[in-house]
């Protein structure tokens, strides 16, 4: 089976950033399309550094 799996990540702290980088750059077939963090600077990092198109301040927004 082939194809792309869209992934959202909750949490962009120290380990969350590492997981987000792996999902965005190193996992074949995964596309990081959303992320959430209560910290505005972490959401900004995800957008600028990883090109994540949608970021949210809480998990409710991410899951909606």
C-alpha atoms as a PDB file:
ATOM      1  CA  UNK A   1       0.000   0.000   0.000  1.00  0.00           C
ATOM      2  CA  UNK A   2       1.251   3.496  -0.772  1.00  0.00           C
ATOM      3  CA  UNK A   3       0.036   6.974  -0.094  1.00  0.00           C
ATOM      4  CA  UNK A   4       0.377   9.870   2.245  1.00  0.00           C
ATOM      5  CA  UNK A   5      -0.871   9.912   5.829  1.00  0.00           C
ATOM      6  CA  UNK A   6      -1.728  13.375   7.134  1.00  0.00           C
ATOM      7  CA  UNK A   7      -0.563  13.783  10.732  1.00  0.00           C
ATOM      8  CA  UNK A   8      -1.238  16.320  13.467  1.00  0.00           C
ATOM      9  CA  UNK A   9       0.940  16.601  16.555  1.00  0.00           C
ATOM     10  CA  UNK A  10      -0.059  17.801  20.009  1.00  0.00           C
ATOM     11  CA  UNK A  11       2.794  19.438  21.870  1.00  0.00           C
ATOM     12  CA  UNK A  12       5.859  21.202  20.505  1.00  0.00           C
ATOM     13  CA  UNK A  13       8.087  21.241  23.543  1.00  0.00           C
ATOM     14  CA  UNK A  14      11.586  19.787  23.547  1.00  0.00           C
ATOM     15  CA  UNK A  15      10.579  16.245  22.545  1.00  0.00           C
ATOM     16  CA  UNK A  16       7.548  17.362  20.549  1.00  0.00           C
ATOM     17  CA  UNK A  17       9.834  19.405  18.296  1.00  0.00           C
ATOM     18  CA  UNK A  18      11.994  16.360  17.680  1.00  0.00           C
ATOM     19  CA  UNK A  19       8.944  14.257  16.802  1.00  0.00           C
ATOM     20  CA  UNK A  20       7.584  17.027  14.570  1.00  0.00           C
ATOM     21  CA  UNK A  21      10.893  17.271  12.691  1.00  0.00           C
ATOM     22  CA  UNK A  22      10.924  13.523  12.142  1.00  0.00           C
ATOM     23  CA  UNK A  23       7.343  13.500  10.890  1.00  0.00           C
ATOM     24  CA  UNK A  24       7.923  16.456   8.580  1.00  0.00           C
ATOM     25  CA  UNK A  25      11.310  15.430   7.178  1.00  0.00           C
ATOM     26  CA  UNK A  26      12.250  11.830   7.826  1.00  0.00           C
ATOM     27  CA  UNK A  27       9.182   9.584   7.803  1.00  0.00           C
ATOM     28  CA  UNK A  28       8.295   8.446   4.285  1.00  0.00           C
ATOM     29  CA  UNK A  29       4.580   8.653   3.639  1.00  0.00           C
ATOM     30  CA  UNK A  30       3.885  11.052   6.525  1.00  0.00           C
ATOM     31  CA  UNK A  31       2.859  14.668   6.025  1.00  0.00           C
ATOM     32  CA  UNK A  32       2.740  16.949   9.071  1.00  0.00           C
ATOM     33  CA  UNK A  33      -0.329  19.094   8.402  1.00  0.00           C
ATOM     34  CA  UNK A  34      -1.206  20.424  11.863  1.00  0.00           C
ATOM     35  CA  UNK A  35       0.325  21.102  15.263  1.00  0.00           C
ATOM     36  CA  UNK A  36      -0.840  22.521  18.556  1.00  0.00           C
ATOM     37  CA  UNK A  37       0.901  24.208  21.441  1.00  0.00           C
ATOM     38  CA  UNK A  38      -0.198  26.820  23.972  1.00  0.00           C
ATOM     39  CA  UNK A  39       3.075  28.692  23.278  1.00  0.00           C
ATOM     40  CA  UNK A  40       2.863  31.098  20.333  1.00  0.00           C
ATOM     41  CA  UNK A  41       6.624  30.871  19.687  1.00  0.00           C
ATOM     42  CA  UNK A  42       6.384  27.091  19.313  1.00  0.00           C
ATOM     43  CA  UNK A  43       3.511  27.405  16.825  1.00  0.00           C
ATOM     44  CA  UNK A  44       5.475  30.023  14.891  1.00  0.00           C
ATOM     45  CA  UNK A  45       8.491  27.695  14.798  1.00  0.00           C
ATOM     46  CA  UNK A  46       6.370  24.873  13.347  1.00  0.00           C
ATOM     47  CA  UNK A  47       5.083  27.148  10.603  1.00  0.00           C
ATOM     48  CA  UNK A  48       8.428  28.713   9.698  1.00  0.00           C
ATOM     49  CA  UNK A  49      10.831  25.818  10.219  1.00  0.00           C
ATOM     50  CA  UNK A  50       8.653  22.913   9.092  1.00  0.00           C
ATOM     51  CA  UNK A  51       6.039  24.516   6.877  1.00  0.00           C
ATOM     52  CA  UNK A  52       3.125  23.232   8.972  1.00  0.00           C
ATOM     53  CA  UNK A  53       0.067  24.829   7.359  1.00  0.00           C
ATOM     54  CA  UNK A  54      -2.226  24.829  10.419  1.00  0.00           C
ATOM     55  CA  UNK A  55      -1.367  25.474  14.065  1.00  0.00           C
ATOM     56  CA  UNK A  56      -3.623  25.696  17.090  1.00  0.00           C
ATOM     57  CA  UNK A  57      -3.343  26.905  20.675  1.00  0.00           C
ATOM     58  CA  UNK A  58      -5.146  23.850  22.060  1.00  0.00           C
ATOM     59  CA  UNK A  59      -6.037  20.276  21.223  1.00  0.00           C
ATOM     60  CA  UNK A  60      -9.721  21.125  20.731  1.00  0.00           C
ATOM     61  CA  UNK A  61      -8.777  23.242  17.725  1.00  0.00           C
ATOM     62  CA  UNK A  62      -6.446  20.566  16.408  1.00  0.00           C
ATOM     63  CA  UNK A  63      -9.067  17.837  16.637  1.00  0.00           C
ATOM     64  CA  UNK A  64     -11.836  19.975  15.140  1.00  0.00           C
END
